[in-house]
Amino acid sequence: MNATAATTTAVRPLYVIAQEIKKTWKPNVHPWAKPYVDALLTVDKMSDRYICEDARTQVIYLLGNMRMWRGEDAKRIKAELNSMLNAK
């Protein structure tokens, strides 16, 4: 396969995304978003379970509580999570 061939974008595990959120949301993750970030630290993909709900639900709740997070990292990570929600 050459460099101009179509490539697929790998989907990052949710726990990796959650780690990045904790690292880049300064000074600290907002208290309303923290429980959902913590939940995502324990899962890999949208279909994984966290207590009584799937990770997809946790992502929806997290995105609802990330509105106050700004900047390039925030924009990129929110777009990534939204893309994962919209994927079939």
N, C-alpha and C. Protein backbone atom coordinates (compact mmCIF):
# COMPACT_ATOMS: atom_id res chain seq x y z
N MET A 1 0.84 -1.18 0.00
CA MET A 1 0.00 0.00 0.00
C MET A 1 0.89 1.24 0.00
N ASN A 2 0.62 2.18 -0.89
CA ASN A 2 1.46 3.37 -0.96
C ASN A 2 0.91 4.49 -0.08
N ALA A 3 1.66 5.56 0.03
CA ALA A 3 1.32 6.66 0.93
C ALA A 3 0.06 7.39 0.52
N THR A 4 -0.33 7.30 -0.76
CA THR A 4 -1.52 8.01 -1.22
C THR A 4 -2.78 7.18 -1.08
N ALA A 5 -2.64 5.93 -0.68
CA ALA A 5 -3.82 5.07 -0.53
C ALA A 5 -4.65 5.53 0.65
N ALA A 6 -5.94 5.26 0.59
CA ALA A 6 -6.85 5.64 1.67
C ALA A 6 -6.48 4.90 2.94
N THR A 7 -6.55 5.63 4.04
CA THR A 7 -6.26 5.01 5.33
C THR A 7 -7.46 5.18 6.24
N THR A 8 -7.57 4.33 7.23
CA THR A 8 -8.63 4.46 8.20
C THR A 8 -8.06 5.07 9.47
N THR A 9 -8.86 5.87 10.13
CA THR A 9 -8.43 6.49 11.35
C THR A 9 -8.77 5.57 12.51
N ALA A 10 -7.80 5.28 13.32
CA ALA A 10 -8.02 4.42 14.48
C ALA A 10 -8.81 5.17 15.53
N VAL A 11 -9.71 4.47 16.17
CA VAL A 11 -10.49 5.05 17.25
C VAL A 11 -9.73 4.80 18.54
N ARG A 12 -9.48 5.87 19.27
CA ARG A 12 -8.75 5.72 20.54
C ARG A 12 -9.67 5.13 21.60
N PRO A 13 -9.12 4.33 22.49
CA PRO A 13 -9.92 3.83 23.61
C PRO A 13 -10.39 4.99 24.48
N LEU A 14 -11.57 4.83 25.05
CA LEU A 14 -12.13 5.90 25.88
C LEU A 14 -11.26 6.22 27.09
N TYR A 15 -10.62 5.22 27.66
CA TYR A 15 -9.77 5.51 28.82
C TYR A 15 -8.58 6.39 28.44
N VAL A 16 -8.09 6.27 27.22
CA VAL A 16 -6.98 7.12 26.76
C VAL A 16 -7.47 8.56 26.58
N ILE A 17 -8.66 8.71 26.03
CA ILE A 17 -9.23 10.05 25.87
C ILE A 17 -9.45 10.68 27.25
N ALA A 18 -9.97 9.90 28.20
CA ALA A 18 -10.20 10.41 29.56
C ALA A 18 -8.89 10.83 30.21
N GLN A 19 -7.83 10.08 30.00
CA GLN A 19 -6.51 10.45 30.54
C GLN A 19 -6.06 11.79 29.97
N GLU A 20 -6.30 11.97 28.68
CA GLU A 20 -5.90 13.23 28.05
C GLU A 20 -6.73 14.40 28.58
N ILE A 21 -8.02 14.16 28.80
CA ILE A 21 -8.87 15.22 29.36
C ILE A 21 -8.32 15.65 30.72
N LYS A 22 -8.01 14.67 31.58
CA LYS A 22 -7.47 15.00 32.90
C LYS A 22 -6.14 15.76 32.80
N LYS A 23 -5.36 15.43 31.81
CA LYS A 23 -4.04 16.06 31.64
C LYS A 23 -4.16 17.48 31.09
N THR A 24 -5.12 17.73 30.20
CA THR A 24 -5.17 19.01 29.49
C THR A 24 -6.20 19.99 30.02
N TRP A 25 -7.17 19.55 30.79
CA TRP A 25 -8.20 20.46 31.31
C TRP A 25 -7.63 21.13 32.55
N LYS A 26 -7.11 22.33 32.38
CA LYS A 26 -6.44 23.06 33.46
C LYS A 26 -7.30 24.21 33.94
N PRO A 27 -7.29 24.54 35.23
CA PRO A 27 -6.45 23.93 36.24
C PRO A 27 -6.94 22.54 36.65
N ASN A 28 -8.23 22.30 36.62
CA ASN A 28 -8.78 20.98 36.97
C ASN A 28 -10.03 20.72 36.15
N VAL A 29 -10.35 19.45 35.98
CA VAL A 29 -11.61 19.08 35.34
C VAL A 29 -12.75 19.66 36.19
N HIS A 30 -13.73 20.25 35.52
CA HIS A 30 -14.87 20.84 36.22
C HIS A 30 -15.56 19.76 37.07
N PRO A 31 -15.99 20.10 38.28
CA PRO A 31 -16.60 19.11 39.17
C PRO A 31 -17.82 18.39 38.58
N TRP A 32 -18.57 19.07 37.71
CA TRP A 32 -19.73 18.42 37.10
C TRP A 32 -19.31 17.39 36.05
N ALA A 33 -18.17 17.58 35.44
CA ALA A 33 -17.69 16.65 34.41
C ALA A 33 -16.83 15.53 34.99
N LYS A 34 -16.25 15.75 36.16
CA LYS A 34 -15.30 14.80 36.74
C LYS A 34 -15.86 13.38 36.89
N PRO A 35 -17.08 13.18 37.38
CA PRO A 35 -17.57 11.80 37.52
C PRO A 35 -17.61 11.04 36.19
N TYR A 36 -17.89 11.74 35.12
CA TYR A 36 -17.97 11.10 33.81
C TYR A 36 -16.58 10.82 33.24
N VAL A 37 -15.63 11.72 33.49
CA VAL A 37 -14.24 11.46 33.09
C VAL A 37 -13.73 10.24 33.86
N ASP A 38 -14.01 10.21 35.16
CA ASP A 38 -13.58 9.07 35.98
C ASP A 38 -14.21 7.76 35.49
N ALA A 39 -15.46 7.81 35.08
CA ALA A 39 -16.13 6.61 34.56
C ALA A 39 -15.43 6.14 33.28
N LEU A 40 -15.08 7.08 32.41
CA LEU A 40 -14.44 6.71 31.14
C LEU A 40 -13.03 6.17 31.33
N LEU A 41 -12.41 6.47 32.46
CA LEU A 41 -11.10 5.91 32.74
C LEU A 41 -11.14 4.39 32.89
N THR A 42 -12.34 3.83 33.07
CA THR A 42 -12.48 2.40 33.32
C THR A 42 -13.00 1.61 32.12
N VAL A 43 -13.21 2.28 30.99
CA VAL A 43 -13.79 1.59 29.83
C VAL A 43 -12.94 1.79 28.59
N ASP A 44 -13.16 0.92 27.62
CA ASP A 44 -12.39 0.93 26.38
C ASP A 44 -13.20 1.48 25.20
N LYS A 45 -14.43 1.01 25.06
CA LYS A 45 -15.25 1.38 23.91
C LYS A 45 -16.67 1.73 24.34
N MET A 46 -17.43 2.30 23.42
CA MET A 46 -18.78 2.79 23.72
C MET A 46 -19.71 1.71 24.28
N SER A 47 -19.53 0.49 23.88
CA SER A 47 -20.44 -0.57 24.33
C SER A 47 -20.08 -1.15 25.70
N ASP A 48 -18.93 -0.77 26.23
CA ASP A 48 -18.54 -1.26 27.56
C ASP A 48 -19.50 -0.71 28.61
N ARG A 49 -19.61 -1.42 29.73
CA ARG A 49 -20.51 -1.02 30.81
C ARG A 49 -19.75 -0.33 31.93
N TYR A 50 -20.40 0.68 32.49
CA TYR A 50 -19.93 1.31 33.72
C TYR A 50 -21.12 1.32 34.67
N ILE A 51 -21.04 0.52 35.69
CA ILE A 51 -22.11 0.28 36.65
C ILE A 51 -23.36 -0.13 35.86
N CYS A 52 -24.40 0.71 35.82
CA CYS A 52 -25.67 0.31 35.19
C CYS A 52 -25.85 0.85 33.77
N GLU A 53 -24.89 1.62 33.28
CA GLU A 53 -25.05 2.25 31.97
C GLU A 53 -23.88 1.92 31.06
N ASP A 54 -24.14 2.07 29.77
CA ASP A 54 -23.04 1.85 28.84
C ASP A 54 -22.18 3.12 28.76
N ALA A 55 -20.99 2.96 28.23
CA ALA A 55 -20.06 4.08 28.13
C ALA A 55 -20.61 5.17 27.22
N ARG A 56 -21.40 4.79 26.24
CA ARG A 56 -22.02 5.76 25.34
C ARG A 56 -22.82 6.80 26.14
N THR A 57 -23.58 6.33 27.12
CA THR A 57 -24.37 7.23 27.96
C THR A 57 -23.45 8.14 28.76
N GLN A 58 -22.35 7.60 29.27
CA GLN A 58 -21.39 8.40 30.03
C GLN A 58 -20.78 9.50 29.15
N VAL A 59 -20.51 9.18 27.89
CA VAL A 59 -19.96 10.17 26.95
C VAL A 59 -20.97 11.28 26.71
N ILE A 60 -22.23 10.92 26.54
CA ILE A 60 -23.28 11.93 26.34
C ILE A 60 -23.34 12.86 27.54
N TYR A 61 -23.35 12.31 28.74
CA TYR A 61 -23.37 13.13 29.95
C TYR A 61 -22.12 14.00 30.05
N LEU A 62 -20.97 13.43 29.72
CA LEU A 62 -19.72 14.18 29.78
C LEU A 62 -19.76 15.37 28.83
N LEU A 63 -20.17 15.13 27.60
CA LEU A 63 -20.22 16.23 26.63
C LEU A 63 -21.16 17.34 27.10
N GLY A 64 -22.24 16.97 27.76
CA GLY A 64 -23.15 17.98 28.30
C GLY A 64 -22.51 18.82 29.40
N ASN A 65 -21.54 18.26 30.08
CA ASN A 65 -20.88 18.97 31.17
C ASN A 65 -19.50 19.51 30.79
N MET A 66 -19.18 19.49 29.51
CA MET A 66 -17.89 20.01 29.03
C MET A 66 -18.04 21.37 28.35
N ARG A 67 -19.23 21.95 28.40
CA ARG A 67 -19.47 23.19 27.67
C ARG A 67 -18.55 24.32 28.10
N MET A 68 -18.15 24.32 29.37
CA MET A 68 -17.31 25.41 29.88
C MET A 68 -15.83 25.23 29.57
N TRP A 69 -15.44 24.07 29.02
CA TRP A 69 -14.04 23.80 28.69
C TRP A 69 -13.74 24.39 27.31
N ARG A 70 -12.72 25.22 27.23
CA ARG A 70 -12.37 25.91 25.99
C ARG A 70 -10.94 25.60 25.58
N GLY A 71 -10.61 25.96 24.35
CA GLY A 71 -9.25 25.82 23.84
C GLY A 71 -9.16 24.76 22.77
N GLU A 72 -7.98 24.66 22.19
CA GLU A 72 -7.75 23.73 21.08
C GLU A 72 -7.91 22.27 21.51
N ASP A 73 -7.36 21.91 22.68
CA ASP A 73 -7.51 20.53 23.16
C ASP A 73 -8.98 20.21 23.37
N ALA A 74 -9.71 21.13 23.98
CA ALA A 74 -11.13 20.91 24.24
C ALA A 74 -11.90 20.72 22.93
N LYS A 75 -11.64 21.57 21.98
CA LYS A 75 -12.33 21.49 20.69
C LYS A 75 -12.06 20.15 20.00
N ARG A 76 -10.80 19.74 20.00
CA ARG A 76 -10.41 18.49 19.34
C ARG A 76 -11.02 17.27 20.03
N ILE A 77 -10.96 17.25 21.36
CA ILE A 77 -11.46 16.09 22.09
C ILE A 77 -12.98 16.01 22.02
N LYS A 78 -13.66 17.15 22.12
CA LYS A 78 -15.13 17.15 21.97
C LYS A 78 -15.52 16.64 20.59
N ALA A 79 -14.81 17.07 19.56
CA ALA A 79 -15.10 16.61 18.20
C ALA A 79 -14.86 15.10 18.08
N GLU A 80 -13.80 14.61 18.70
CA GLU A 80 -13.52 13.18 18.66
C GLU A 80 -14.62 12.39 19.34
N LEU A 81 -15.07 12.84 20.51
CA LEU A 81 -16.14 12.13 21.22
C LEU A 81 -17.45 12.19 20.44
N ASN A 82 -17.76 13.35 19.87
CA ASN A 82 -18.97 13.46 19.05
C ASN A 82 -18.91 12.55 17.84
N SER A 83 -17.74 12.45 17.23
CA SER A 83 -17.57 11.56 16.08
C SER A 83 -17.80 10.10 16.49
N MET A 84 -17.30 9.74 17.65
CA MET A 84 -17.51 8.37 18.14
C MET A 84 -18.99 8.09 18.40
N LEU A 85 -19.71 9.10 18.90
CA LEU A 85 -21.13 8.93 19.15
C LEU A 85 -21.90 8.73 17.85
N ASN A 86 -21.47 9.46 16.82
CA ASN A 86 -22.17 9.41 15.54
C ASN A 86 -21.77 8.23 14.65
N ALA A 87 -20.73 7.52 15.02
CA ALA A 87 -20.27 6.39 14.21
C ALA A 87 -21.29 5.23 14.32
N LYS A 88 -21.41 4.51 13.26
CA LYS A 88 -22.34 3.37 13.24
C LYS A 88 -21.71 2.15 13.85
